Structures are given as structure tokens and as C-alpha cells.
Protein backbone atom coordinates (compact mmCIF):
# COMPACT_ATOMS: atom_id res chain seq x y z
CA UNK A 1 8.16 211.69 61.68
CA UNK A 2 7.31 215.24 62.56
CA UNK A 3 4.95 215.86 65.55
CA UNK A 4 1.39 217.23 64.62
CA UNK A 5 1.58 219.60 67.49
CA UNK A 6 4.61 221.47 66.29
CA UNK A 7 2.73 224.07 64.29
CA UNK A 8 -0.44 224.24 66.38
CA UNK A 9 0.04 227.72 67.67
CA UNK A 10 -3.62 228.43 68.04
CA UNK A 11 -3.92 226.08 70.88
CA UNK A 12 -1.89 226.55 74.02
CA UNK A 13 -2.51 223.04 75.05
CA UNK A 14 -1.18 221.73 71.81
CA UNK A 15 1.79 224.02 72.06
CA UNK A 16 2.35 222.76 75.59
CA UNK A 17 2.12 219.23 74.40
CA UNK A 18 4.62 220.05 71.64
CA UNK A 19 6.99 221.63 74.08
CA UNK A 20 6.58 218.73 76.47
CA UNK A 21 7.21 216.35 73.64
CA UNK A 22 10.18 218.39 72.54
CA UNK A 23 11.46 218.38 76.08
CA UNK A 24 10.96 214.64 76.21
CA UNK A 25 12.78 214.19 72.94
CA UNK A 26 15.61 216.38 74.13
CA UNK A 27 15.91 214.42 77.31
CA UNK A 28 15.87 211.20 75.34
CA UNK A 29 18.44 212.48 72.90
CA UNK A 30 20.57 213.70 75.77
CA UNK A 31 20.16 210.37 77.46
CA UNK A 32 20.97 208.61 74.20
CA UNK A 33 23.92 210.84 73.67
CA UNK A 34 25.03 210.18 77.18
CA UNK A 35 24.64 206.45 76.63
CA UNK A 36 26.58 206.66 73.41
CA UNK A 37 29.28 208.72 75.08
CA UNK A 38 29.50 206.20 77.97
CA UNK A 39 29.51 203.39 75.45
CA UNK A 40 32.26 205.07 73.48
CA UNK A 41 34.19 205.73 76.67
CA UNK A 42 33.85 202.14 77.77
CA UNK A 43 34.80 200.94 74.27
CA UNK A 44 37.83 203.17 74.34
CA UNK A 45 38.70 201.94 77.84
CA UNK A 46 38.22 198.37 76.70
CA UNK A 47 40.36 198.95 73.64
CA UNK A 48 43.02 200.55 75.78
CA UNK A 49 42.77 197.61 78.25
CA UNK A 50 43.01 195.14 75.37
CA UNK A 51 45.99 197.00 73.95
CA UNK A 52 47.59 197.10 77.39
CA UNK A 53 46.81 193.38 77.86
CA UNK A 54 48.24 192.57 74.44
CA UNK A 55 51.29 194.62 75.24
CA UNK A 56 51.58 192.91 78.62
CA UNK A 57 51.11 189.52 76.99
CA UNK A 58 53.77 190.33 74.46
CA UNK A 59 56.05 191.46 77.25
CA UNK A 60 55.38 188.26 79.19
CA UNK A 61 55.90 186.21 76.03
CA UNK A 62 59.21 187.89 75.33
CA UNK A 63 60.21 187.40 78.98
CA UNK A 64 59.20 183.73 78.82
CA UNK A 65 61.12 183.33 75.57
CA UNK A 66 64.17 184.83 77.21
CA UNK A 67 63.71 182.52 80.21
CA UNK A 68 63.31 179.53 77.87
CA UNK A 69 66.49 180.42 76.05
CA UNK A 70 68.26 180.91 79.36
CA UNK A 71 66.93 177.51 80.59
CA UNK A 72 68.04 175.84 77.41
CA UNK A 73 71.49 177.34 77.86
CA UNK A 74 71.51 176.04 81.45
CA UNK A 75 70.36 172.59 80.30
CA UNK A 76 73.04 172.49 77.64
CA UNK A 77 75.62 173.56 80.19
CA UNK A 78 74.37 170.93 82.65
CA UNK A 79 74.43 168.23 79.96
CA UNK A 80 77.93 169.28 78.97
CA UNK A 81 78.98 169.21 82.62
CA UNK A 82 77.47 165.77 83.13
CA UNK A 83 79.07 164.45 79.96
CA UNK A 84 82.39 165.76 81.13
CA UNK A 85 81.91 164.17 84.55
CA UNK A 86 80.89 160.87 82.96
CA UNK A 87 83.87 161.05 80.63
CA UNK A 88 86.16 161.70 83.59
CA UNK A 89 84.49 158.89 85.59
CA UNK A 90 84.84 156.55 82.63
CA UNK A 91 88.47 157.52 82.28
CA UNK A 92 89.01 156.92 86.00
CA UNK A 93 87.18 153.54 85.80
CA UNK A 94 89.28 152.49 82.81
CA UNK A 95 92.41 153.56 84.66
CA UNK A 96 91.26 151.69 87.78
CA UNK A 97 90.51 148.55 85.76
CA UNK A 98 93.89 148.77 84.13
CA UNK A 99 95.55 149.11 87.52
CA UNK A 100 93.47 146.22 88.92
CA UNK A 101 94.36 144.09 85.92
CA UNK A 102 98.02 144.94 86.33
CA UNK A 103 97.81 144.16 90.05
CA UNK A 104 96.06 140.86 89.32
CA UNK A 105 98.62 139.99 86.69
CA UNK A 106 101.42 140.83 89.08
CA UNK A 107 99.73 138.85 91.85
CA UNK A 108 99.18 135.94 89.48
CA UNK A 109 102.81 136.08 88.42
CA UNK A 110 103.88 136.12 92.05
CA UNK A 111 101.59 133.14 92.75
CA UNK A 112 102.96 131.33 89.70
CA UNK A 113 106.50 131.99 90.86
CA UNK A 114 105.63 130.87 94.40
CA UNK A 115 103.83 127.80 93.04
CA UNK A 116 106.78 126.90 90.84
CA UNK A 117 109.12 127.43 93.78
CA UNK A 118 106.84 125.33 95.99
CA UNK A 119 106.69 122.63 93.34
CA UNK A 120 110.44 122.64 92.99
CA UNK A 121 110.79 122.56 96.77
CA UNK A 122 108.29 119.70 96.98
CA UNK A 123 110.11 117.81 94.24
CA UNK A 124 113.43 118.43 95.96
CA UNK A 125 111.92 117.38 99.25
CA UNK A 126 110.40 114.26 97.71
CA UNK A 127 113.66 113.43 95.95
CA UNK A 128 115.59 114.00 99.16
CA UNK A 129 113.13 111.85 101.07
CA UNK A 130 113.32 109.16 98.40
CA UNK A 131 117.10 109.35 98.47
CA UNK A 132 117.04 109.16 102.25
CA UNK A 133 114.69 106.21 102.19
CA UNK A 134 116.70 104.60 99.40
CA UNK A 135 119.86 105.15 101.42
CA UNK A 136 118.18 103.69 104.51
CA UNK A 137 116.86 100.77 102.46
CA UNK A 138 120.32 100.28 100.96
CA UNK A 139 121.83 100.48 104.45
CA UNK A 140 119.35 97.89 105.71
CA UNK A 141 120.08 95.75 102.65
CA UNK A 142 123.81 96.00 103.24
CA UNK A 143 123.37 95.20 106.91
CA UNK A 144 121.22 92.22 105.99
CA UNK A 145 123.81 91.14 103.44
CA UNK A 146 126.52 91.48 106.05
CA UNK A 147 124.43 89.47 108.50
CA UNK A 148 123.69 86.88 105.83
CA UNK A 149 127.36 86.81 104.85
CA UNK A 150 128.38 86.45 108.47
CA UNK A 151 125.81 83.71 108.99
CA UNK A 152 126.96 81.99 105.79
CA UNK A 153 130.57 82.32 106.92
CA UNK A 154 129.77 80.77 110.28
CA UNK A 155 127.83 77.99 108.58
CA UNK A 156 130.71 77.42 106.19
CA UNK A 157 133.19 77.36 109.06
CA UNK A 158 130.95 74.94 110.91
CA UNK A 159 130.66 72.78 107.82
CA UNK A 160 134.45 72.83 107.38
CA UNK A 161 134.91 71.89 111.03
CA UNK A 162 132.27 69.17 110.70
CA UNK A 163 133.93 67.94 107.52
CA UNK A 164 137.30 67.80 109.25
CA UNK A 165 135.70 65.97 112.14
CA UNK A 166 134.03 63.55 109.75
CA UNK A 167 137.34 63.05 107.94
CA UNK A 168 139.11 62.38 111.21
CA UNK A 169 136.42 59.94 112.24
CA UNK A 170 136.62 58.31 108.83
CA UNK A 171 140.40 58.00 109.06
CA UNK A 172 140.10 56.58 112.55
CA UNK A 173 137.55 54.07 111.32
CA UNK A 174 139.76 53.16 108.37
CA UNK A 175 142.75 52.77 110.66
CA UNK A 176 140.72 50.58 112.97
CA UNK A 177 139.48 48.58 110.03
CA UNK A 178 143.02 48.16 108.68
CA UNK A 179 144.18 47.03 112.09
CA UNK A 180 141.29 44.62 112.33
CA UNK A 181 142.07 43.40 108.81
CA UNK A 182 145.66 42.85 109.74
CA UNK A 183 144.60 40.79 112.73
CA UNK A 184 141.84 39.03 110.91
CA UNK A 185 143.14 38.49 107.43
CA UNK A 186 139.96 36.74 106.48
CA UNK A 187 137.87 39.98 107.16
CA UNK A 188 136.90 41.67 103.83
CA UNK A 189 137.71 45.30 103.27
CA UNK A 190 134.73 47.47 104.24
CA UNK A 191 132.99 49.31 101.37
CA UNK A 192 133.72 52.95 100.89
CA UNK A 193 131.32 55.36 102.56
CA UNK A 194 128.87 56.63 99.97
CA UNK A 195 128.85 60.36 99.29
CA UNK A 196 125.85 62.65 99.89
CA UNK A 197 122.88 62.38 97.51
CA UNK A 198 122.51 65.19 94.96
CA UNK A 199 119.20 66.97 95.43
CA UNK A 200 117.88 68.65 92.30
CA UNK A 201 117.28 72.41 92.63
CA UNK A 202 113.61 73.42 92.80
CA UNK A 203 112.13 74.64 89.56
CA UNK A 204 111.75 78.41 89.29
CA UNK A 205 108.12 79.55 89.58
CA UNK A 206 106.46 80.58 86.37
CA UNK A 207 106.41 84.37 86.10
CA UNK A 208 103.09 86.18 85.99
CA UNK A 209 102.81 89.72 84.56
CA UNK A 210 103.22 91.31 87.99
CA UNK A 211 106.09 88.99 88.92
CA UNK A 212 108.14 90.60 86.17
CA UNK A 213 107.89 93.96 87.98
CA UNK A 214 110.21 95.69 90.40
CA UNK A 215 111.54 93.12 92.93
CA UNK A 216 111.74 95.86 95.57
CA UNK A 217 108.05 96.60 95.06
CA UNK A 218 107.21 92.89 95.26
CA UNK A 219 109.21 92.52 98.48
CA UNK A 220 107.43 95.55 99.93
CA UNK A 221 104.04 94.09 99.00
CA UNK A 222 104.96 90.76 100.62
CA UNK A 223 105.96 92.60 103.80
CA UNK A 224 102.58 94.36 103.97
CA UNK A 225 100.77 91.08 103.38
CA UNK A 226 102.72 89.65 106.33
CA UNK A 227 101.50 92.61 108.42
CA UNK A 228 97.94 91.88 107.31
CA UNK A 229 98.28 88.25 108.39
CA UNK A 230 99.84 89.33 111.70
CA UNK A 231 96.86 91.60 112.33
CA UNK A 232 94.49 88.67 111.84
CA UNK A 233 96.47 86.58 114.32
CA UNK A 234 96.59 89.57 116.65
CA UNK A 235 92.78 89.79 116.67
CA UNK A 236 92.66 86.16 117.80
CA UNK A 237 95.20 86.98 120.51
CA UNK A 238 93.04 89.85 121.77
CA UNK A 239 89.95 87.62 121.70
CA UNK A 240 91.81 85.12 123.91
CA UNK A 241 92.83 87.96 126.23
CA UNK A 242 89.19 88.99 126.46
CA UNK A 243 88.17 85.48 127.48
CA UNK A 244 90.69 85.62 130.33
CA UNK A 245 89.71 89.16 131.35
CA UNK A 246 85.92 89.87 131.13
CA UNK A 247 86.45 93.56 131.93
CA UNK A 248 88.81 93.91 129.00
CA UNK A 249 86.38 92.00 126.78
CA UNK A 250 83.53 94.37 127.65
CA UNK A 251 85.70 97.46 127.12
CA UNK A 252 86.99 96.12 123.80
CA UNK A 253 83.46 95.43 122.58
CA UNK A 254 82.15 98.88 123.53
CA UNK A 255 85.11 100.67 121.96
CA UNK A 256 84.92 98.60 118.79
CA UNK A 257 81.22 99.37 118.33
CA UNK A 258 81.76 103.09 119.01
CA UNK A 259 84.50 103.31 116.37
CA UNK A 260 82.45 101.47 113.75
CA UNK A 261 79.41 103.63 114.48
CA UNK A 262 81.36 106.90 114.27
CA UNK A 263 83.15 105.94 111.04
CA UNK A 264 79.75 105.10 109.56
CA UNK A 265 78.57 108.63 110.44
CA UNK A 266 81.28 110.42 108.44
CA UNK A 267 79.69 112.53 105.69
CA UNK A 268 80.65 115.33 103.29
CA UNK A 269 79.95 118.10 105.83
CA UNK A 270 83.03 119.37 107.62
CA UNK A 271 81.27 120.42 110.82
CA UNK A 272 79.11 117.28 110.89
CA UNK A 273 82.27 115.11 111.06
CA UNK A 274 83.64 116.94 114.08
CA UNK A 275 81.59 115.04 116.66
CA UNK A 276 82.25 111.48 115.38
CA UNK A 277 85.94 112.29 114.89
CA UNK A 278 86.21 113.55 118.49
CA UNK A 279 84.46 110.42 119.75
CA UNK A 280 86.92 108.21 117.86
CA UNK A 281 89.86 110.16 119.28
CA UNK A 282 88.49 109.89 122.83
CA UNK A 283 88.16 106.11 122.47
CA UNK A 284 91.70 105.81 121.11
CA UNK A 285 93.09 108.07 123.86
CA UNK A 286 91.50 105.80 126.44
CA UNK A 287 93.00 102.76 124.71
CA UNK A 288 96.45 104.37 124.60
CA UNK A 289 96.33 104.66 128.39
CA UNK A 290 95.70 100.93 128.86
CA UNK A 291 99.25 99.59 129.06
CA UNK A 292 98.35 95.92 129.57
CA UNK A 293 98.34 93.67 127.65
CA UNK A 294 101.32 94.62 125.52
CA UNK A 295 102.29 93.67 121.98
CA UNK A 296 105.44 93.82 119.84
CA UNK A 297 104.63 96.92 117.75
CA UNK A 298 107.36 96.61 115.03
CA UNK A 299 105.63 93.50 113.69
CA UNK A 300 102.95 95.89 112.36
CA UNK A 301 105.39 98.26 110.66
CA UNK A 302 106.78 97.83 107.14
CA UNK A 303 110.14 99.42 108.05
CA UNK A 304 110.59 99.16 111.82
CA UNK A 305 112.97 101.78 113.23
CA UNK A 306 116.31 100.67 114.58
CA UNK A 307 117.87 101.67 117.87
CA UNK A 308 114.60 101.50 119.83
CA UNK A 309 115.11 100.43 123.44
CA UNK A 310 111.73 98.76 123.76
CA UNK A 311 109.48 97.24 121.12
CA UNK A 312 106.40 96.88 123.30
CA UNK A 313 103.28 99.00 123.09
CA UNK A 314 99.63 99.04 124.24
CA UNK A 315 97.87 96.13 122.58
CA UNK A 316 94.41 97.68 122.96
CA UNK A 317 95.45 100.76 120.94
CA UNK A 318 96.86 98.57 118.13
CA UNK A 319 93.68 96.51 118.17
CA UNK A 320 91.41 99.55 117.89
CA UNK A 321 93.56 101.20 115.18
CA UNK A 322 93.14 97.96 113.25
CA UNK A 323 89.36 98.15 113.77
CA UNK A 324 89.42 101.80 112.68
CA UNK A 325 91.41 100.99 109.52
CA UNK A 326 89.04 98.15 108.65
CA UNK A 327 86.03 100.45 109.14
CA UNK A 328 87.65 103.10 106.91
CA UNK A 329 88.09 100.53 104.11
CA UNK A 330 84.44 99.46 104.44
CA UNK A 331 83.25 103.08 104.49
CA UNK A 332 85.26 103.89 101.34
CA UNK A 333 83.62 100.96 99.56
CA UNK A 334 80.11 101.79 100.79
CA UNK A 335 80.13 105.57 100.30
CA UNK A 336 82.60 106.32 97.49
CA UNK A 337 81.89 103.43 95.14
CA UNK A 338 79.22 105.49 93.33
CA UNK A 339 80.11 109.10 94.25
CA UNK A 340 83.90 109.28 94.47
CA UNK A 341 83.89 112.71 96.16
CA UNK A 342 82.34 111.13 99.25
CA UNK A 343 85.75 109.61 100.04
CA UNK A 344 87.43 112.93 100.83
CA UNK A 345 85.89 113.67 104.28
CA UNK A 346 86.46 110.06 105.30
CA UNK A 347 90.09 110.29 104.21
CA UNK A 348 90.53 113.56 106.11
CA UNK A 349 89.49 111.96 109.39
CA UNK A 350 91.56 108.85 108.69
CA UNK A 351 94.67 110.90 107.96
CA UNK A 352 94.16 113.07 111.05
CA UNK A 353 93.84 110.04 113.33
CA UNK A 354 97.03 108.40 112.07
CA UNK A 355 98.83 111.78 112.13
CA UNK A 356 97.96 112.46 115.76
CA UNK A 357 100.99 112.34 118.04
CA UNK A 358 98.86 110.64 120.72
CA UNK A 359 98.45 107.53 118.58
CA UNK A 360 102.05 107.24 117.37
CA UNK A 361 104.56 104.77 118.72
CA UNK A 362 107.91 106.33 119.60
CA UNK A 363 106.94 109.24 117.30
CA UNK A 364 106.36 106.83 114.37
CA UNK A 365 102.93 106.69 112.72
CA UNK A 366 101.10 103.36 112.66
CA UNK A 367 99.50 104.07 109.29
CA UNK A 368 101.08 100.83 107.97
CA UNK A 369 98.12 99.07 109.61
CA UNK A 370 95.81 100.81 107.12
CA UNK A 371 98.20 100.46 104.16
CA UNK A 372 98.56 96.72 104.82
CA UNK A 373 94.82 96.38 104.33
CA UNK A 374 95.09 98.37 101.10
CA UNK A 375 97.79 95.98 99.86
CA UNK A 376 95.37 93.14 100.51
CA UNK A 377 92.16 94.61 99.01
CA UNK A 378 93.61 96.74 96.15
CA UNK A 379 97.01 95.36 95.06
CA UNK A 380 97.06 97.21 91.71
CA UNK A 381 97.81 100.41 93.65
CA UNK A 382 101.22 98.92 94.39
CA UNK A 383 102.03 97.34 91.03
CA UNK A 384 100.63 93.89 91.87
CA UNK A 385 98.21 92.39 89.35
CA UNK A 386 97.62 89.35 87.20
CA UNK A 387 95.71 87.93 84.27
CA UNK A 388 92.08 88.44 85.26
CA UNK A 389 90.98 85.57 83.05
CA UNK A 390 92.48 83.19 85.61
CA UNK A 391 91.54 82.64 89.24
CA UNK A 392 95.07 83.35 90.45
CA UNK A 393 95.21 86.54 88.37
CA UNK A 394 91.90 87.75 89.75
CA UNK A 395 93.03 87.09 93.29
CA UNK A 396 96.24 89.05 92.69
CA UNK A 397 94.21 91.95 91.23
CA UNK A 398 91.95 92.30 94.28
CA UNK A 399 88.87 90.31 93.26
CA UNK A 400 86.90 88.65 96.07
CA UNK A 401 84.45 85.76 96.23
CA UNK A 402 80.74 86.17 96.90
CA UNK A 403 81.21 84.55 100.31
CA UNK A 404 83.61 82.22 102.05
CA UNK A 405 81.46 79.16 101.32
CA UNK A 406 80.93 80.05 97.64
CA UNK A 407 83.56 79.56 94.97
CA UNK A 408 82.04 82.20 92.64
CA UNK A 409 83.64 85.60 92.16
CA UNK A 410 81.59 88.75 92.66
CA UNK A 411 80.17 90.37 89.53
CA UNK A 412 82.23 92.80 87.48
CA UNK A 413 79.90 95.63 88.50
CA UNK A 414 80.48 94.98 92.21
CA UNK A 415 84.22 94.58 91.68
CA UNK A 416 84.54 97.87 89.78
CA UNK A 417 82.44 99.68 92.41
CA UNK A 418 84.76 98.30 95.11
CA UNK A 419 87.83 99.44 93.19
CA UNK A 420 86.32 102.91 92.64
CA UNK A 421 85.66 103.36 96.36
CA UNK A 422 89.09 102.04 97.32
CA UNK A 423 90.93 104.15 94.73
CA UNK A 424 89.06 107.31 95.78
CA UNK A 425 89.77 106.56 99.43
CA UNK A 426 93.47 106.00 98.75
CA UNK A 427 93.68 109.39 96.99
CA UNK A 428 91.81 111.01 99.89
CA UNK A 429 94.44 109.70 102.33
CA UNK A 430 97.60 110.22 100.26
CA UNK A 431 96.77 113.64 98.74
CA UNK A 432 96.75 115.57 102.00
CA UNK A 433 98.65 118.82 102.57
CA UNK A 434 100.20 119.23 106.02
CA UNK A 435 102.32 122.30 105.24
CA UNK A 436 100.25 124.50 107.56
CA UNK A 437 99.68 121.86 110.21
CA UNK A 438 101.75 121.16 113.31
CA UNK A 439 101.18 117.46 112.67
CA UNK A 440 103.39 115.31 110.47
CA UNK A 441 101.82 113.74 107.39
CA UNK A 442 101.47 110.02 108.19
CA UNK A 443 101.38 109.03 104.49
CA UNK A 444 103.23 111.63 102.38
CA UNK A 445 102.10 112.60 98.91
CA UNK A 446 104.95 110.80 97.16
CA UNK A 447 103.11 107.55 97.94
CA UNK A 448 100.30 108.73 95.66
CA UNK A 449 102.88 109.40 92.95
CA UNK A 450 104.32 105.88 93.36
CA UNK A 451 100.87 104.30 93.05
CA UNK A 452 100.01 106.40 90.00
CA UNK A 453 103.31 105.36 88.40
CA UNK A 454 102.69 101.72 89.37
CA UNK A 455 99.59 101.77 87.16
CA UNK A 456 100.51 103.90 84.15
CA UNK A 457 104.04 102.48 83.81
CA UNK A 458 103.00 98.86 83.34
CA UNK A 459 103.27 97.41 79.83
CA UNK A 460 100.16 98.81 78.06
CA UNK A 461 99.14 95.42 76.71
CA UNK A 462 98.87 94.10 80.28
CA UNK A 463 96.47 96.85 81.41
CA UNK A 464 93.17 95.51 82.75
CA UNK A 465 89.79 97.05 83.47
CA UNK A 466 90.76 97.05 87.14
CA UNK A 467 93.75 99.27 86.32
CA UNK A 468 91.59 101.78 84.48
CA UNK A 469 88.91 101.78 87.18
CA UNK A 470 91.41 102.46 89.97
CA UNK A 471 93.25 105.00 87.80
CA UNK A 472 90.07 107.00 87.21
CA UNK A 473 89.21 106.90 90.91
CA UNK A 474 92.69 108.21 91.76
CA UNK A 475 92.67 111.25 89.47
CA UNK A 476 89.01 112.16 88.93
CA UNK A 477 88.14 115.25 91.02
CA UNK A 478 91.79 115.33 92.21
CA UNK A 479 93.42 116.91 89.16
CA UNK A 480 93.79 120.32 90.85
CA UNK A 481 95.53 118.75 93.87
CA UNK A 482 97.85 116.80 91.60
CA UNK A 483 98.81 120.02 89.81
CA UNK A 484 99.24 121.85 93.13
CA UNK A 485 101.53 119.16 94.52
CA UNK A 486 103.52 118.22 91.43
CA UNK A 487 103.18 121.20 89.06
CA UNK A 488 104.26 120.66 85.46
CA UNK A 489 105.43 117.14 86.24
CA UNK A 490 101.94 116.40 87.50
CA UNK A 491 100.46 117.80 84.29
CA UNK A 492 102.66 115.43 82.27
CA UNK A 493 101.59 112.54 84.49
CA UNK A 494 97.91 113.40 83.94
CA UNK A 495 98.50 113.53 80.18
CA UNK A 496 100.20 110.15 80.35
CA UNK A 497 97.37 108.72 82.46
CA UNK A 498 94.32 109.94 80.50
CA UNK A 499 95.65 110.23 76.94
CA UNK A 500 98.75 108.13 76.28
CA UNK A 501 98.01 105.16 78.56
CA UNK A 502 94.49 104.40 77.18
CA UNK A 503 95.66 104.86 73.59
CA UNK A 504 98.74 102.67 73.98
CA UNK A 505 96.74 99.92 75.69
CA UNK A 506 94.27 99.72 72.82
CA UNK A 507 91.59 98.68 75.32
CA UNK A 508 87.96 99.11 74.28
CA UNK A 509 86.55 98.46 77.77
CA UNK A 510 84.10 100.88 79.37
CA UNK A 511 86.60 101.71 82.13
CA UNK A 512 89.32 102.58 79.60
CA UNK A 513 86.92 104.79 77.63
CA UNK A 514 85.81 106.56 80.83
CA UNK A 515 89.46 107.43 81.56
CA UNK A 516 89.97 108.66 77.99
CA UNK A 517 86.93 110.97 78.37
CA UNK A 518 88.41 112.88 81.32
CA UNK A 519 90.40 115.42 79.20
CA UNK A 520 87.19 116.56 77.44
CA UNK A 521 85.38 116.85 80.78
CA UNK A 522 88.22 118.88 82.27
CA UNK A 523 88.35 121.20 79.26
CA UNK A 524 84.60 121.79 79.36
CA UNK A 525 83.94 122.03 83.08
CA UNK A 526 87.25 123.21 84.56
CA UNK A 527 89.04 124.87 81.62
CA UNK A 528 91.97 122.49 82.15
CA UNK A 529 93.97 121.83 79.02
CA UNK A 530 96.61 119.14 79.00
């Protein structure tokens, strides 16, 4: 819009107003122009800044992209390096495992070779020992035969001499009678002297199943039963000695109670048995030092040694070893009748006591005292048994009565528990390895083999539940020891015992079935295949 004062020339004031207005407009336009210029400058600066920022951003982006690519290359290189290291480690581990396996195989082969050699050595040793014992037994038999022959010869000579004397007397009497007859013709001729009366030979005893066994084994069993009876008589002798000597009686009583208490404390812990074992040994050491009264020791030995200058020994030691053996038998029955593994620590202590040189007599072990009790309480271990449907057969197989005043046998359950404890205890004593010990094994391992053979070699139809119960107690939990001692021969014996013997017997008893189940248990639990 145009100002009204622009053309008002007639009025100075109007013209002044127009000029002032024009001046104002000019200033405003200049100011506006200035503002626009500043705005344009700022816009240009901003656009330049934005372009520079965009360029910088692009530069940073490209730099970051390059860094990312570089990092990815590093990561790939690191992954490749790690994979290579892992591959090398895996290769080394495989190589190490192969070497370990080869070393183990070589070590196992060496152990197998050593075991086979040890088994062969043990078999040779056992055979040599058996041959030696057989030779000694044969020597004793020959000596006895020579003595018997000599005695028979002397008796025959004496009988011949007596016969000649009788004939001479008879001739003298006849001559006297003839002379008398000649003088007294009326005297009748005396009657001839009657000959000796013929005495019929005693009838042979009727054979029981066990009587048809090895006569050597039967003779050995009878000898041990004699030892058992001698021990009973010996206890009475010591009781009489105690009545005469109160001090001895008191000492005997205290020692007997200590031994029974300590044997009753034997458990499955190795360290826990150390204290009672030491107490037993201290008591026996004290008894070994008491030289009076004395006793004839060979009467308690199955095969007394020859060439011994003196047969006497400390009676108190023999008495306490007898008490110790009796306590061992009772502990086997009490502890191992249910859990057969409980017999092992008891057997360890028993074997150690009888192996100790301090309780030997002239370097000979007195373990026959314990074995005599085993012959009495568990005869089937030694091939002695009978028909368990008869009283005599039960007695021969180790059955006992409820009490001395009662004529009733114990129940089958109690009998089989007794046999389990006794069989486990026998294995714990006879399956001991003394190769690394300075002591000599008092009851070598071949005795276990003889007892095992005495059971599984009987006619199968004569096998009883007692046989199977004792057989299971002998081999259950002892299969590894049997294999260690006897090797492949032991494996064959186990097969015969748990497979062939039950099958051939045809028995359907619980004890026979429990024996027949052992191969499955061994395969499952111990990876033992027969």
C-alpha cells in the first residue's frame, strides 16, 4: 500500500513524515535483508555442517565396516586356530589313550603270565607237598608194617616156642602115663587132650555211604576224633590241677574268660580287631611261659613228628589254645551263619594265632587242635557223612541234639545255619595267603582243595542238603580267591561244584538250588563266566 504522504509536497510536515516513513521502511528493509542474509548464511553453514557430518558419518561407517570385516577375519582366524588346537589335542588324547590301552594290555598280559606262573608254581608246590606228605605217610605206613611184622614175628616165635613147650610137656605127661599104665595095668588110658575151640570171626560191619570212601581219609578222621576226645580228657586233667593249685585255677579262669571275650569282639573291621587280637596273644604268651604242669603234646597232633628229643610242652598253653579254638567255632556259628562274609576277619585272627612262632611246639603248628573240632562238628568237610534219614547218619553228618537231656535233633533251619557258619569259617582259615608273610601258613590252601573235593566227588545220588549247604558256604564270596590260588583248575572245580554237581545229584532241595544259582549271580554281579 502506498503512503498518503508520498506526494504531499505542499506540506513540509507531510514530506518530513514521508521521508521519515521512507527512512523507517529502508531501515526495516535493510534489517529484513540483513536478517535474510544472516538466515541464508546460517542455512548455508548448517547445510555445510550437515554435509560435513554426513561425510564424517559415511567415513566413520566405512571405517567401522572395515573394522568389522577385519574383526570377522580375526574371529575366523581364531576359530580356525582353536579348531586346529582342538584337533591336535584330540589327536594327542587318542594317541595317549591308545598308548594307555596298549600299556594296560601289556600289563594285563604280564599279570596273566605271572598269575599262570604263580598258579603253576602253586600247583607244583602243592603236588610236591602232597608227594612229600604221601611219601612220609607211606614211610610211616611201612615203618608201622615193619613194626607190626616184627611184632607178629615175635608173637609167632613165642607161639612156636610155647607150642614146643606144650608138646614137650604133653610128651612127658604121656610118658609118665605110659609108665604108670605099665605099673598099674588096671589104670585106663587117659583121654586125649582136646584141641583149642574155634572162635567164629566177627561179622564185618555194615557199610554206610561214607564207609565206602577213602580208607586213608577215614583213618585220618578217626585220628582227629581221638584228638578231640583227648582234649576233653585234658580239660578234666587241667581242672584237677586247678583244684590242687588255687593260683593256677585263678589264672586259668581269668585267661579263659579274656580269650572268650576277645574272640566275641572280633568284627569285620580290620583295625577294630587289632586290640582283641593283641590281648589274645598276650594271654597266650603268658601261658607259654608257664612250664608247669606239662603235657605230652604229640597226643594233640594228627601226624606227630619223629626224632623229637622231648614230647613235653606247657599244659596251660595247650589248654588255652583249646579254649581259643572252641571260641572260634562258636563265633563262626554265631556270626557267619547268616552273613557268611563275617567269618573272614575271625578266620584271619585264628590263622595268625596258630601261625605265630611263639605258639608252636618245636616249630610245628598246633592247628590240629582246631581241625579236630572241625572233624567233630562238620564231618562232611572231610568226606564223612551218612544217611540223614537215620539217627546214625545224622550224627555222622554233624547234626546235634537240642540239649544233652533231650533226644530230639535241632531243626533243619538251625542245622543249616550251623553248617553255613562252619563252612564259611573253614574257608576263612584255609584260604589264607602267606606268600608275603614271614610266618608259615599253619593250614595250607591244599586242605581247602581236599575238602572241596571231598564234597563234590561223592556219588551224586548220596549228596545231602548238608553237603550243598557247606559247599555254598565254602565257595560263596570266595570264588576270586579260589581262582587266584588254583587258576584254571580252580575254575573247573567251581564249574563242577555249582553246575555239574547239582545237576547230577538231581536234588530239588533249597540248598541245592541255592548252589545252582551261584553262576547267574557271579555273571551278573562279578562278570565271572564259568
